[in-house]
């Protein structure tokens, strides 16, 4: 997966009329991502990865992400959180 900060920096780069250095766009992208994270948001891919889907079903079927164990958390909310965590590992 391409680094989301790099993607945002490339989008911001043409907007810099003052002729700033590319690094400034990267810093602006990092700041935007940090602000989203602090507000409780995460950036995930449009299509879930195999790892995200596997994490969802592992959580729904076993109630945990620990191989070979069974846990109590089989609800949709827990499965969603497992997918989010798996998306972070995909980076």
Protein backbone atom coordinates (compact mmCIF):
# COMPACT_ATOMS: atom_id res chain seq x y z
CA UNK A 1 0.00 0.00 0.00
CA UNK A 2 1.25 3.49 -0.79
CA UNK A 3 1.86 5.70 2.23
CA UNK A 4 -1.26 7.84 2.75
CA UNK A 5 0.90 10.79 3.78
CA UNK A 6 2.68 10.65 0.43
CA UNK A 7 -0.65 10.51 -1.42
CA UNK A 8 -1.92 13.56 0.46
CA UNK A 9 1.37 15.40 -0.04
CA UNK A 10 1.19 14.84 -3.81
CA UNK A 11 -2.36 16.21 -3.78
CA UNK A 12 -1.28 19.28 -1.81
CA UNK A 13 1.89 19.95 -3.79
CA UNK A 14 0.26 21.71 -6.81
CA UNK A 15 -1.69 23.96 -4.44
CA UNK A 16 1.46 25.60 -3.13
CA UNK A 17 1.48 28.82 -5.17
CA UNK A 18 4.29 30.23 -3.10
CA UNK A 19 6.71 27.67 -4.53
CA UNK A 20 7.37 25.85 -1.28
CA UNK A 21 9.52 22.77 -1.05
CA UNK A 22 7.91 19.33 -1.53
CA UNK A 23 8.72 18.56 2.10
CA UNK A 24 6.24 21.25 3.15
CA UNK A 25 3.40 19.41 1.41
CA UNK A 26 4.46 16.22 3.22
CA UNK A 27 4.38 18.04 6.56
CA UNK A 28 0.94 19.47 5.74
CA UNK A 29 -0.31 15.96 4.93
CA UNK A 30 1.11 14.63 8.21
CA UNK A 31 -0.63 17.46 10.08
CA UNK A 32 -3.95 16.67 8.38
CA UNK A 33 -3.67 12.97 9.24
CA UNK A 34 -2.74 13.79 12.85
CA UNK A 35 -5.75 16.10 13.14
CA UNK A 36 -8.04 13.35 11.84
CA UNK A 37 -6.55 10.82 14.27
CA UNK A 38 -6.97 13.20 17.21
CA UNK A 39 -10.63 13.68 16.20
CA UNK A 40 -11.14 9.91 16.36
CA UNK A 41 -10.96 9.12 12.64
CA UNK A 42 -8.76 6.67 10.79
CA UNK A 43 -7.99 6.37 7.11
CA UNK A 44 -8.68 2.97 5.63
CA UNK A 45 -8.55 1.68 2.07
CA UNK A 46 -11.67 1.90 -0.08
CA UNK A 47 -11.63 -1.87 -0.50
CA UNK A 48 -10.74 -4.01 2.52
CA UNK A 49 -7.57 -6.05 2.30
CA UNK A 50 -7.53 -9.81 2.76
CA UNK A 51 -6.07 -9.22 6.22
CA UNK A 52 -8.94 -6.90 7.16
CA UNK A 53 -11.57 -9.40 6.03
CA UNK A 54 -9.78 -12.21 7.84
CA UNK A 55 -9.64 -10.13 11.03
CA UNK A 56 -13.38 -9.42 10.80
CA UNK A 57 -14.33 -13.08 10.43
CA UNK A 58 -11.78 -14.29 12.99
CA UNK A 59 -13.35 -11.91 15.51
CA UNK A 60 -16.92 -12.89 14.58
CA UNK A 61 -16.17 -16.63 14.69
CA UNK A 62 -13.84 -16.87 17.70
CA UNK A 63 -14.36 -13.63 19.64
CA UNK A 64 -10.63 -12.85 19.63
CA UNK A 65 -7.67 -12.23 17.32
CA UNK A 66 -5.49 -14.68 19.26
CA UNK A 67 -4.91 -17.89 17.26
CA UNK A 68 -6.31 -21.00 18.90
CA UNK A 69 -8.26 -19.12 21.58
CA UNK A 70 -11.95 -18.37 22.04
CA UNK A 71 -13.17 -15.07 23.42
CA UNK A 72 -16.42 -13.33 24.32
CA UNK A 73 -16.25 -10.43 21.82
CA UNK A 74 -18.12 -11.68 18.73
CA UNK A 75 -20.23 -8.57 18.21
CA UNK A 76 -20.11 -6.42 15.07
CA UNK A 77 -18.41 -3.55 16.89
CA UNK A 78 -15.52 -5.78 17.97
CA UNK A 79 -15.22 -7.19 14.45
CA UNK A 80 -15.14 -3.66 13.02
CA UNK A 81 -12.38 -2.63 15.45
CA UNK A 82 -10.43 -5.77 14.45
CA UNK A 83 -10.69 -4.70 10.80
CA UNK A 84 -9.43 -1.20 11.64
CA UNK A 85 -6.46 -2.63 13.53
CA UNK A 86 -5.69 -4.96 10.61
CA UNK A 87 -5.71 -1.98 8.22
CA UNK A 88 -3.00 -0.33 10.33
CA UNK A 89 -0.85 -3.47 10.02
CA UNK A 90 -1.26 -3.37 6.22
CA UNK A 91 0.60 -0.05 5.98
